[in-house]
Amino acid sequence: MKNSTILQTGIEWIKRRVKKRLEQGQKKEIKRTIRKMSKKGMNVAEIANILDMAEDVRERLKK
C-alpha cells in the first residue's frame, strides 16, 4: 500500500468516526479524535475540512 492510500483510508475512517460521535452527541470524543488526528501528522487544512463536514452533519441532525 502506498502512503497516500494509507492516509486516505485513515482520513475516511476518521470522518466516519466523527460522524458517528456527532450522531451520538459526544463532543468530548470528537475533541479527543481531533487531538489524535494532529498527533498522527494531519495538517490543519485536513482537520478543518473534516470539521466543516462534521458541522454540516450536525446541522442536518438538528432538522
C-alpha atoms as a PDB file:
ATOM      1  CA  MET A   1       0.000   0.000   0.000  1.00  0.00           C
ATOM      2  CA  LYS A   2       1.228   3.450  -0.824  1.00  0.00           C
ATOM      3  CA  ASN A   3       1.443   6.099   1.862  1.00  0.00           C
ATOM      4  CA  SER A   4      -1.215   8.226   0.153  1.00  0.00           C
ATOM      5  CA  THR A   5      -3.620   5.268   0.113  1.00  0.00           C
ATOM      6  CA  ILE A   6      -2.994   4.602   3.790  1.00  0.00           C
ATOM      7  CA  LEU A   7      -3.526   8.290   4.622  1.00  0.00           C
ATOM      8  CA  GLN A   8      -6.752   8.427   2.592  1.00  0.00           C
ATOM      9  CA  THR A   9      -8.038   5.302   4.339  1.00  0.00           C
ATOM     10  CA  GLY A  10      -7.201   6.883   7.689  1.00  0.00           C
ATOM     11  CA  ILE A  11      -8.978  10.104   6.774  1.00  0.00           C
ATOM     12  CA  GLU A  12     -12.104   8.209   5.716  1.00  0.00           C
ATOM     13  CA  TRP A  13     -12.045   6.257   8.985  1.00  0.00           C
ATOM     14  CA  ILE A  14     -11.749   9.494  10.975  1.00  0.00           C
ATOM     15  CA  LYS A  15     -14.641  11.058   9.043  1.00  0.00           C
ATOM     16  CA  ARG A  16     -16.850   8.070   9.826  1.00  0.00           C
ATOM     17  CA  ARG A  17     -15.822   8.185  13.474  1.00  0.00           C
ATOM     18  CA  VAL A  18     -16.542  11.913  13.816  1.00  0.00           C
ATOM     19  CA  LYS A  19     -19.921  11.468  12.107  1.00  0.00           C
ATOM     20  CA  LYS A  20     -20.802   8.614  14.452  1.00  0.00           C
ATOM     21  CA  ARG A  21     -19.778  10.625  17.501  1.00  0.00           C
ATOM     22  CA  LEU A  22     -21.837  13.594  16.328  1.00  0.00           C
ATOM     23  CA  GLU A  23     -24.867  11.393  15.924  1.00  0.00           C
ATOM     24  CA  GLN A  24     -24.360  10.211  19.477  1.00  0.00           C
ATOM     25  CA  GLY A  25     -23.792  13.763  20.734  1.00  0.00           C
ATOM     26  CA  GLN A  26     -20.350  13.044  22.140  1.00  0.00           C
ATOM     27  CA  LYS A  27     -18.449  16.307  21.805  1.00  0.00           C
ATOM     28  CA  LYS A  28     -15.735  15.168  24.213  1.00  0.00           C
ATOM     29  CA  GLU A  29     -14.951  12.198  21.967  1.00  0.00           C
ATOM     30  CA  ILE A  30     -14.778  14.497  18.939  1.00  0.00           C
ATOM     31  CA  LYS A  31     -12.169  16.650  20.663  1.00  0.00           C
ATOM     32  CA  ARG A  32     -10.174  13.520  21.513  1.00  0.00           C
ATOM     33  CA  THR A  33     -10.367  12.385  17.885  1.00  0.00           C
ATOM     34  CA  ILE A  34      -9.108  15.774  16.673  1.00  0.00           C
ATOM     35  CA  ARG A  35      -6.135  15.571  19.040  1.00  0.00           C
ATOM     36  CA  LYS A  36      -5.319  12.111  17.684  1.00  0.00           C
ATOM     37  CA  MET A  37      -5.505  13.436  14.114  1.00  0.00           C
ATOM     38  CA  SER A  38      -2.983  16.172  14.836  1.00  0.00           C
ATOM     39  CA  LYS A  39      -0.663  13.753  16.650  1.00  0.00           C
ATOM     40  CA  LYS A  40      -0.711  11.457  13.620  1.00  0.00           C
ATOM     41  CA  GLY A  41       0.520  14.292  11.442  1.00  0.00           C
ATOM     42  CA  MET A  42      -2.617  15.556   9.753  1.00  0.00           C
ATOM     43  CA  ASN A  43      -2.242  19.154   8.742  1.00  0.00           C
ATOM     44  CA  VAL A  44      -4.556  21.964   9.735  1.00  0.00           C
ATOM     45  CA  ALA A  45      -6.310  22.068   6.344  1.00  0.00           C
ATOM     46  CA  GLU A  46      -7.280  18.392   6.559  1.00  0.00           C
ATOM     47  CA  ILE A  47      -8.581  18.767  10.100  1.00  0.00           C
ATOM     48  CA  ALA A  48     -10.527  21.909   9.131  1.00  0.00           C
ATOM     49  CA  ASN A  49     -12.075  20.061   6.188  1.00  0.00           C
ATOM     50  CA  ILE A  50     -13.236  17.255   8.469  1.00  0.00           C
ATOM     51  CA  LEU A  51     -14.615  19.751  10.980  1.00  0.00           C
ATOM     52  CA  ASP A  52     -16.575  21.513   8.217  1.00  0.00           C
ATOM     53  CA  MET A  53     -18.044  18.162   7.239  1.00  0.00           C
ATOM     54  CA  ALA A  54     -18.860  17.477  10.873  1.00  0.00           C
ATOM     55  CA  GLU A  55     -20.639  20.825  11.201  1.00  0.00           C
ATOM     56  CA  ASP A  56     -22.761  20.010   8.136  1.00  0.00           C
ATOM     57  CA  VAL A  57     -23.734  16.693   9.695  1.00  0.00           C
ATOM     58  CA  ARG A  58     -24.589  18.392  12.980  1.00  0.00           C
ATOM     59  CA  GLU A  59     -26.882  20.867  11.181  1.00  0.00           C
ATOM     60  CA  ARG A  60     -28.644  18.070   9.286  1.00  0.00           C
ATOM     61  CA  LEU A  61     -29.216  16.161  12.504  1.00  0.00           C
ATOM     62  CA  LYS A  62     -30.895  19.194  14.100  1.00  0.00           C
ATOM     63  CA  LYS A  63     -33.537  19.357  11.343  1.00  0.00           C
END
